[in-house]
């Protein structure tokens, strides 16, 4: 399997950023790490190996980016407004650097996106804000409400990065066209997942906006854990 390490100084973030690339062709997939996770976590947790044949056959290319969660939402050492501002710089990194890099590595016009737990938040938040870039989004055990990180503070930057809040008011015709007709959305979770209620809540909002999606609740005691996410990856990318 093709595996390649990339690193560059990010103007958007003012520091070096790293990512791992897997595969040599096919659908490019932007992979977000879990809470405060690193770009190598997806591989180390067996997520790449779980669908390794897809990378080896040239059907999938994964791009596992780093997070700045410890500098943004999880950074209790700064004011919540600064946490939100740092997240927006991360979004700029994705839009201006990571996604163009990914698309430049092949001939695809759009990417897929995926992530587990807080990586599921990043997946859905990024997709709902930029559906023209994403044709397939798979959240596994995602948590979507960021109020827990705001210590009572709230501003526009918080609102527009909290899917349960901004999605009901989404009215841009082009965004809705993409989401309703050109983007596949999957909310995968387990019956014992601590984030089950959040997935059901977001599913209800998507339904109210007439946005097709798949709320896939796994039985058999499925919870918030890598062993379930590996099986989900096999289902949705295998």
C-alpha atoms as a PDB file:
ATOM      1  CA  UNK A   1       0.000   0.000   0.000  1.00  0.00           C
ATOM      2  CA  UNK A   2       1.255   3.450  -0.891  1.00  0.00           C
ATOM      3  CA  UNK A   3       1.928   5.479   2.283  1.00  0.00           C
ATOM      4  CA  UNK A   4       3.430   8.944   2.239  1.00  0.00           C
ATOM      5  CA  UNK A   5       4.135  11.555   4.920  1.00  0.00           C
ATOM      6  CA  UNK A   6       3.656  15.267   4.187  1.00  0.00           C
ATOM      7  CA  UNK A   7       4.531  18.328   6.215  1.00  0.00           C
ATOM      8  CA  UNK A   8       4.486  22.053   5.539  1.00  0.00           C
ATOM      9  CA  UNK A   9       4.273  25.387   7.326  1.00  0.00           C
ATOM     10  CA  UNK A  10       0.665  26.512   7.388  1.00  0.00           C
ATOM     11  CA  UNK A  11       0.142  30.246   6.801  1.00  0.00           C
ATOM     12  CA  UNK A  12      -3.399  29.931   8.136  1.00  0.00           C
ATOM     13  CA  UNK A  13      -2.278  28.445  11.459  1.00  0.00           C
ATOM     14  CA  UNK A  14       1.181  29.937  11.757  1.00  0.00           C
ATOM     15  CA  UNK A  15       2.812  26.585  12.427  1.00  0.00           C
ATOM     16  CA  UNK A  16       3.799  23.349  10.750  1.00  0.00           C
ATOM     17  CA  UNK A  17       1.076  20.834   9.955  1.00  0.00           C
ATOM     18  CA  UNK A  18       1.471  17.153   9.129  1.00  0.00           C
ATOM     19  CA  UNK A  19      -0.622  14.538   7.376  1.00  0.00           C
ATOM     20  CA  UNK A  20      -0.420  10.962   6.142  1.00  0.00           C
ATOM     21  CA  UNK A  21      -1.531   9.829   2.695  1.00  0.00           C
ATOM     22  CA  UNK A  22      -2.619   6.263   1.934  1.00  0.00           C
ATOM     23  CA  UNK A  23      -3.442   4.785  -1.467  1.00  0.00           C
ATOM     24  CA  UNK A  24      -2.592   5.749  -5.007  1.00  0.00           C
ATOM     25  CA  UNK A  25      -5.938   6.427  -6.708  1.00  0.00           C
ATOM     26  CA  UNK A  26      -9.699   6.624  -6.462  1.00  0.00           C
ATOM     27  CA  UNK A  27     -11.934   8.624  -4.137  1.00  0.00           C
ATOM     28  CA  UNK A  28      -9.961  10.981  -1.886  1.00  0.00           C
ATOM     29  CA  UNK A  29     -11.059  10.924   1.764  1.00  0.00           C
ATOM     30  CA  UNK A  30     -10.266  13.660   4.264  1.00  0.00           C
ATOM     31  CA  UNK A  31      -9.881  11.923   7.645  1.00  0.00           C
ATOM     32  CA  UNK A  32     -10.279  13.915  10.860  1.00  0.00           C
ATOM     33  CA  UNK A  33      -8.764  12.564  14.097  1.00  0.00           C
ATOM     34  CA  UNK A  34     -10.683  12.162  17.355  1.00  0.00           C
ATOM     35  CA  UNK A  35     -10.616  14.717  20.198  1.00  0.00           C
ATOM     36  CA  UNK A  36      -7.159  16.311  20.340  1.00  0.00           C
ATOM     37  CA  UNK A  37      -5.965  13.392  18.211  1.00  0.00           C
ATOM     38  CA  UNK A  38      -3.033  13.267  15.860  1.00  0.00           C
ATOM     39  CA  UNK A  39      -2.694  12.507  12.176  1.00  0.00           C
ATOM     40  CA  UNK A  40      -1.312   9.025  12.868  1.00  0.00           C
ATOM     41  CA  UNK A  41      -4.170   7.847  15.119  1.00  0.00           C
ATOM     42  CA  UNK A  42      -6.411   6.546  12.326  1.00  0.00           C
ATOM     43  CA  UNK A  43      -3.655   4.243  11.113  1.00  0.00           C
ATOM     44  CA  UNK A  44      -2.522   3.143  14.570  1.00  0.00           C
ATOM     45  CA  UNK A  45      -6.082   2.229  15.560  1.00  0.00           C
ATOM     46  CA  UNK A  46      -6.398  -0.124  12.605  1.00  0.00           C
ATOM     47  CA  UNK A  47      -8.805   2.021  10.603  1.00  0.00           C
ATOM     48  CA  UNK A  48      -6.628   2.047   7.485  1.00  0.00           C
ATOM     49  CA  UNK A  49      -5.988  -1.698   7.664  1.00  0.00           C
ATOM     50  CA  UNK A  50      -9.716  -2.395   8.078  1.00  0.00           C
ATOM     51  CA  UNK A  51     -10.242  -1.427   4.413  1.00  0.00           C
ATOM     52  CA  UNK A  52      -6.665  -1.856   3.241  1.00  0.00           C
ATOM     53  CA  UNK A  53      -7.734  -3.637   0.049  1.00  0.00           C
ATOM     54  CA  UNK A  54      -9.458  -0.446  -1.121  1.00  0.00           C
ATOM     55  CA  UNK A  55      -6.226   1.526  -0.838  1.00  0.00           C
ATOM     56  CA  UNK A  56      -4.179  -1.210  -2.458  1.00  0.00           C
ATOM     57  CA  UNK A  57      -6.600  -1.529  -5.386  1.00  0.00           C
ATOM     58  CA  UNK A  58      -6.660   2.202  -6.133  1.00  0.00           C
ATOM     59  CA  UNK A  59     -10.295   2.757  -5.137  1.00  0.00           C
ATOM     60  CA  UNK A  60      -9.583   4.969  -2.100  1.00  0.00           C
ATOM     61  CA  UNK A  61      -7.005   7.537  -1.042  1.00  0.00           C
ATOM     62  CA  UNK A  62      -7.025   8.649   2.610  1.00  0.00           C
ATOM     63  CA  UNK A  63      -5.541  11.903   3.870  1.00  0.00           C
ATOM     64  CA  UNK A  64      -5.262  11.842   7.646  1.00  0.00           C
ATOM     65  CA  UNK A  65      -4.844  15.422   8.830  1.00  0.00           C
ATOM     66  CA  UNK A  66      -3.744  16.685  12.219  1.00  0.00           C
ATOM     67  CA  UNK A  67      -6.054  18.506  14.609  1.00  0.00           C
ATOM     68  CA  UNK A  68      -5.668  21.731  16.557  1.00  0.00           C
ATOM     69  CA  UNK A  69      -8.409  20.834  19.056  1.00  0.00           C
ATOM     70  CA  UNK A  70      -6.034  21.396  21.972  1.00  0.00           C
ATOM     71  CA  UNK A  71      -5.545  24.967  20.705  1.00  0.00           C
ATOM     72  CA  UNK A  72      -9.209  25.586  19.894  1.00  0.00           C
ATOM     73  CA  UNK A  73     -12.307  24.044  21.494  1.00  0.00           C
ATOM     74  CA  UNK A  74     -10.413  22.119  24.175  1.00  0.00           C
ATOM     75  CA  UNK A  75      -8.117  24.989  25.166  1.00  0.00           C
ATOM     76  CA  UNK A  76      -9.529  25.982  28.547  1.00  0.00           C
ATOM     77  CA  UNK A  77      -6.608  28.384  29.041  1.00  0.00           C
ATOM     78  CA  UNK A  78      -8.027  31.010  26.693  1.00  0.00           C
ATOM     79  CA  UNK A  79     -11.370  32.782  26.333  1.00  0.00           C
ATOM     80  CA  UNK A  80     -13.992  30.823  24.352  1.00  0.00           C
ATOM     81  CA  UNK A  81     -13.945  33.538  21.676  1.00  0.00           C
ATOM     82  CA  UNK A  82     -10.276  32.734  21.090  1.00  0.00           C
ATOM     83  CA  UNK A  83     -11.074  29.025  20.933  1.00  0.00           C
ATOM     84  CA  UNK A  84     -13.615  29.670  18.178  1.00  0.00           C
ATOM     85  CA  UNK A  85     -11.212  31.985  16.338  1.00  0.00           C
ATOM     86  CA  UNK A  86      -8.507  29.312  16.370  1.00  0.00           C
ATOM     87  CA  UNK A  87     -10.980  26.815  14.938  1.00  0.00           C
ATOM     88  CA  UNK A  88     -11.697  29.231  12.086  1.00  0.00           C
ATOM     89  CA  UNK A  89      -7.973  29.351  11.346  1.00  0.00           C
ATOM     90  CA  UNK A  90      -8.039  25.563  11.194  1.00  0.00           C
ATOM     91  CA  UNK A  91     -10.941  25.781   8.755  1.00  0.00           C
ATOM     92  CA  UNK A  92      -8.861  28.157   6.612  1.00  0.00           C
ATOM     93  CA  UNK A  93      -6.032  25.609   6.680  1.00  0.00           C
ATOM     94  CA  UNK A  94      -8.435  22.976   5.389  1.00  0.00           C
ATOM     95  CA  UNK A  95      -9.975  25.195   2.716  1.00  0.00           C
ATOM     96  CA  UNK A  96      -6.843  26.932   1.474  1.00  0.00           C
ATOM     97  CA  UNK A  97      -4.197  24.267   1.987  1.00  0.00           C
ATOM     98  CA  UNK A  98      -5.290  20.721   2.807  1.00  0.00           C
ATOM     99  CA  UNK A  99      -8.226  20.304   0.417  1.00  0.00           C
ATOM    100  CA  UNK A 100      -6.418  21.894  -2.574  1.00  0.00           C
ATOM    101  CA  UNK A 101      -3.444  19.632  -1.821  1.00  0.00           C
ATOM    102  CA  UNK A 102      -5.715  16.563  -1.715  1.00  0.00           C
ATOM    103  CA  UNK A 103      -7.501  17.435  -4.951  1.00  0.00           C
ATOM    104  CA  UNK A 104      -4.170  18.193  -6.599  1.00  0.00           C
ATOM    105  CA  UNK A 105      -2.996  14.636  -5.965  1.00  0.00           C
ATOM    106  CA  UNK A 106      -5.565  13.159  -8.359  1.00  0.00           C
ATOM    107  CA  UNK A 107      -8.343  14.051 -10.763  1.00  0.00           C
ATOM    108  CA  UNK A 108     -11.335  14.084  -8.384  1.00  0.00           C
ATOM    109  CA  UNK A 109     -13.476  17.206  -8.240  1.00  0.00           C
ATOM    110  CA  UNK A 110     -14.729  16.647  -4.673  1.00  0.00           C
ATOM    111  CA  UNK A 111     -13.637  14.779  -1.575  1.00  0.00           C
ATOM    112  CA  UNK A 112     -15.208  12.456   0.956  1.00  0.00           C
ATOM    113  CA  UNK A 113     -14.817  13.188   4.668  1.00  0.00           C
ATOM    114  CA  UNK A 114     -14.907  10.975   7.724  1.00  0.00           C
ATOM    115  CA  UNK A 115     -14.010  10.875  11.386  1.00  0.00           C
ATOM    116  CA  UNK A 116     -14.827   9.212  14.694  1.00  0.00           C
ATOM    117  CA  UNK A 117     -16.139  10.898  17.852  1.00  0.00           C
ATOM    118  CA  UNK A 118     -15.028  14.563  17.689  1.00  0.00           C
ATOM    119  CA  UNK A 119     -13.666  13.752  14.250  1.00  0.00           C
ATOM    120  CA  UNK A 120     -17.314  13.116  13.407  1.00  0.00           C
ATOM    121  CA  UNK A 121     -18.073  16.662  14.522  1.00  0.00           C
ATOM    122  CA  UNK A 122     -15.401  18.036  12.188  1.00  0.00           C
ATOM    123  CA  UNK A 123     -16.708  15.854   9.361  1.00  0.00           C
ATOM    124  CA  UNK A 124     -20.301  17.037   9.611  1.00  0.00           C
ATOM    125  CA  UNK A 125     -19.498  20.651  10.467  1.00  0.00           C
ATOM    126  CA  UNK A 126     -17.135  20.982   7.499  1.00  0.00           C
ATOM    127  CA  UNK A 127     -19.529  19.221   5.134  1.00  0.00           C
ATOM    128  CA  UNK A 128     -22.577  21.273   6.086  1.00  0.00           C
ATOM    129  CA  UNK A 129     -20.593  24.493   5.680  1.00  0.00           C
ATOM    130  CA  UNK A 130     -18.874  23.483   2.435  1.00  0.00           C
ATOM    131  CA  UNK A 131     -21.043  20.885   0.680  1.00  0.00           C
ATOM    132  CA  UNK A 132     -19.706  21.943  -2.706  1.00  0.00           C
ATOM    133  CA  UNK A 133     -16.426  20.265  -1.697  1.00  0.00           C
ATOM    134  CA  UNK A 134     -17.750  17.040  -0.150  1.00  0.00           C
ATOM    135  CA  UNK A 135     -19.665  14.303  -1.954  1.00  0.00           C
ATOM    136  CA  UNK A 136     -19.732  11.734   0.876  1.00  0.00           C
ATOM    137  CA  UNK A 137     -19.540  12.341   4.634  1.00  0.00           C
ATOM    138  CA  UNK A 138     -19.413   9.541   7.199  1.00  0.00           C
ATOM    139  CA  UNK A 139     -19.508  10.414  10.892  1.00  0.00           C
ATOM    140  CA  UNK A 140     -18.906   7.540  13.308  1.00  0.00           C
ATOM    141  CA  UNK A 141     -19.958   8.165  16.894  1.00  0.00           C
ATOM    142  CA  UNK A 142     -20.002  11.894  16.230  1.00  0.00           C
ATOM    143  CA  UNK A 143     -20.667  14.634  18.799  1.00  0.00           C
ATOM    144  CA  UNK A 144     -22.005  17.825  17.206  1.00  0.00           C
ATOM    145  CA  UNK A 145     -22.943  20.309  19.939  1.00  0.00           C
ATOM    146  CA  UNK A 146     -20.030  22.563  20.979  1.00  0.00           C
ATOM    147  CA  UNK A 147     -21.768  24.418  23.821  1.00  0.00           C
ATOM    148  CA  UNK A 148     -19.799  22.299  26.299  1.00  0.00           C
ATOM    149  CA  UNK A 149     -16.632  24.126  25.208  1.00  0.00           C
ATOM    150  CA  UNK A 150     -17.978  27.680  25.459  1.00  0.00           C
ATOM    151  CA  UNK A 151     -18.322  28.312  29.207  1.00  0.00           C
ATOM    152  CA  UNK A 152     -21.513  30.254  28.581  1.00  0.00           C
ATOM    153  CA  UNK A 153     -20.008  32.441  25.844  1.00  0.00           C
ATOM    154  CA  UNK A 154     -21.710  32.603  22.462  1.00  0.00           C
ATOM    155  CA  UNK A 155     -21.031  34.586  19.297  1.00  0.00           C
ATOM    156  CA  UNK A 156     -21.411  34.198  15.545  1.00  0.00           C
ATOM    157  CA  UNK A 157     -18.245  32.109  15.273  1.00  0.00           C
ATOM    158  CA  UNK A 158     -19.699  29.674  17.798  1.00  0.00           C
ATOM    159  CA  UNK A 159     -23.117  29.650  16.156  1.00  0.00           C
ATOM    160  CA  UNK A 160     -21.780  28.930  12.669  1.00  0.00           C
ATOM    161  CA  UNK A 161     -19.688  26.025  13.962  1.00  0.00           C
ATOM    162  CA  UNK A 162     -22.436  24.300  15.930  1.00  0.00           C
ATOM    163  CA  UNK A 163     -24.452  22.199  13.449  1.00  0.00           C
ATOM    164  CA  UNK A 164     -27.541  21.745  15.669  1.00  0.00           C
ATOM    165  CA  UNK A 165     -27.748  25.540  15.908  1.00  0.00           C
ATOM    166  CA  UNK A 166     -26.962  26.802  12.400  1.00  0.00           C
ATOM    167  CA  UNK A 167     -28.514  23.974  10.366  1.00  0.00           C
ATOM    168  CA  UNK A 168     -32.165  24.889  11.097  1.00  0.00           C
ATOM    169  CA  UNK A 169     -31.531  28.354   9.644  1.00  0.00           C
ATOM    170  CA  UNK A 170     -29.577  27.205   6.596  1.00  0.00           C
ATOM    171  CA  UNK A 171     -31.229  28.863   3.610  1.00  0.00           C
ATOM    172  CA  UNK A 172     -28.540  29.175   0.939  1.00  0.00           C
ATOM    173  CA  UNK A 173     -30.061  27.626  -2.180  1.00  0.00           C
ATOM    174  CA  UNK A 174     -26.760  26.323  -3.542  1.00  0.00           C
ATOM    175  CA  UNK A 175     -25.769  24.704  -0.249  1.00  0.00           C
ATOM    176  CA  UNK A 176     -29.168  23.073   0.087  1.00  0.00           C
ATOM    177  CA  UNK A 177     -29.002  21.854  -3.519  1.00  0.00           C
ATOM    178  CA  UNK A 178     -25.664  20.157  -2.842  1.00  0.00           C
ATOM    179  CA  UNK A 179     -26.813  18.654   0.436  1.00  0.00           C
ATOM    180  CA  UNK A 180     -30.120  17.411  -0.942  1.00  0.00           C
ATOM    181  CA  UNK A 181     -28.918  16.041  -4.259  1.00  0.00           C
ATOM    182  CA  UNK A 182     -25.134  15.732  -4.431  1.00  0.00           C
ATOM    183  CA  UNK A 183     -23.817  14.837  -0.962  1.00  0.00           C
ATOM    184  CA  UNK A 184     -24.319  11.534   0.857  1.00  0.00           C
ATOM    185  CA  UNK A 185     -24.527  11.977   4.623  1.00  0.00           C
ATOM    186  CA  UNK A 186     -24.099   9.111   7.080  1.00  0.00           C
ATOM    187  CA  UNK A 187     -24.542   9.384  10.856  1.00  0.00           C
ATOM    188  CA  UNK A 188     -23.329   6.043  12.197  1.00  0.00           C
ATOM    189  CA  UNK A 189     -23.592   5.350  15.905  1.00  0.00           C
ATOM    190  CA  UNK A 190     -24.305   2.544  18.340  1.00  0.00           C
ATOM    191  CA  UNK A 191     -27.205   1.754  20.599  1.00  0.00           C
ATOM    192  CA  UNK A 192     -24.867   2.181  23.595  1.00  0.00           C
ATOM    193  CA  UNK A 193     -22.925   5.142  22.187  1.00  0.00           C
ATOM    194  CA  UNK A 194     -22.723   8.148  24.509  1.00  0.00           C
ATOM    195  CA  UNK A 195     -23.406  10.286  21.429  1.00  0.00           C
ATOM    196  CA  UNK A 196     -26.546   8.426  20.312  1.00  0.00           C
ATOM    197  CA  UNK A 197     -28.901  11.218  21.401  1.00  0.00           C
ATOM    198  CA  UNK A 198     -26.851  13.825  19.505  1.00  0.00           C
ATOM    199  CA  UNK A 199     -27.028  11.742  16.347  1.00  0.00           C
ATOM    200  CA  UNK A 200     -30.777  11.328  16.657  1.00  0.00           C
ATOM    201  CA  UNK A 201     -31.179  15.045  17.293  1.00  0.00           C
ATOM    202  CA  UNK A 202     -29.119  16.020  14.239  1.00  0.00           C
ATOM    203  CA  UNK A 203     -30.959  13.444  12.127  1.00  0.00           C
ATOM    204  CA  UNK A 204     -34.234  15.106  13.076  1.00  0.00           C
ATOM    205  CA  UNK A 205     -32.921  18.509  12.022  1.00  0.00           C
ATOM    206  CA  UNK A 206     -31.659  17.122   8.710  1.00  0.00           C
ATOM    207  CA  UNK A 207     -35.056  15.553   8.090  1.00  0.00           C
ATOM    208  CA  UNK A 208     -36.801  18.862   8.845  1.00  0.00           C
ATOM    209  CA  UNK A 209     -34.592  20.502   6.179  1.00  0.00           C
ATOM    210  CA  UNK A 210     -35.455  17.716   3.714  1.00  0.00           C
ATOM    211  CA  UNK A 211     -31.795  16.705   3.523  1.00  0.00           C
ATOM    212  CA  UNK A 212     -31.439  12.971   2.760  1.00  0.00           C
ATOM    213  CA  UNK A 213     -29.165  11.110   5.158  1.00  0.00           C
ATOM    214  CA  UNK A 214     -28.671   7.743   6.783  1.00  0.00           C
ATOM    215  CA  UNK A 215     -28.926   7.490  10.553  1.00  0.00           C
ATOM    216  CA  UNK A 216     -27.398   4.058  11.086  1.00  0.00           C
ATOM    217  CA  UNK A 217     -27.818   2.927  14.698  1.00  0.00           C
ATOM    218  CA  UNK A 218     -25.898  -0.293  15.335  1.00  0.00           C
ATOM    219  CA  UNK A 219     -27.345  -2.915  17.679  1.00  0.00           C
ATOM    220  CA  UNK A 220     -25.489  -5.706  19.468  1.00  0.00           C
ATOM    221  CA  UNK A 221     -24.234  -3.451  22.234  1.00  0.00           C
ATOM    222  CA  UNK A 222     -22.347  -1.165  19.836  1.00  0.00           C
ATOM    223  CA  UNK A 223     -20.740   1.694  21.709  1.00  0.00           C
ATOM    224  CA  UNK A 224     -18.264   4.547  21.458  1.00  0.00           C
ATOM    225  CA  UNK A 225     -15.139   2.598  20.641  1.00  0.00           C
ATOM    226  CA  UNK A 226     -12.621   1.875  17.892  1.00  0.00           C
ATOM    227  CA  UNK A 227     -13.656  -1.753  17.472  1.00  0.00           C
ATOM    228  CA  UNK A 228     -17.067  -0.601  16.324  1.00  0.00           C
ATOM    229  CA  UNK A 229     -15.662   2.181  14.177  1.00  0.00           C
ATOM    230  CA  UNK A 230     -13.418  -0.278  12.355  1.00  0.00           C
ATOM    231  CA  UNK A 231     -16.502  -2.288  11.429  1.00  0.00           C
ATOM    232  CA  UNK A 232     -18.328   0.875  10.365  1.00  0.00           C
ATOM    233  CA  UNK A 233     -15.403   1.817   8.121  1.00  0.00           C
ATOM    234  CA  UNK A 234     -15.687  -1.589   6.466  1.00  0.00           C
ATOM    235  CA  UNK A 235     -19.399  -1.036   5.881  1.00  0.00           C
ATOM    236  CA  UNK A 236     -19.202   2.454   4.433  1.00  0.00           C
ATOM    237  CA  UNK A 237     -15.819   2.367   2.687  1.00  0.00           C
ATOM    238  CA  UNK A 238     -15.184  -1.360   2.175  1.00  0.00           C
END
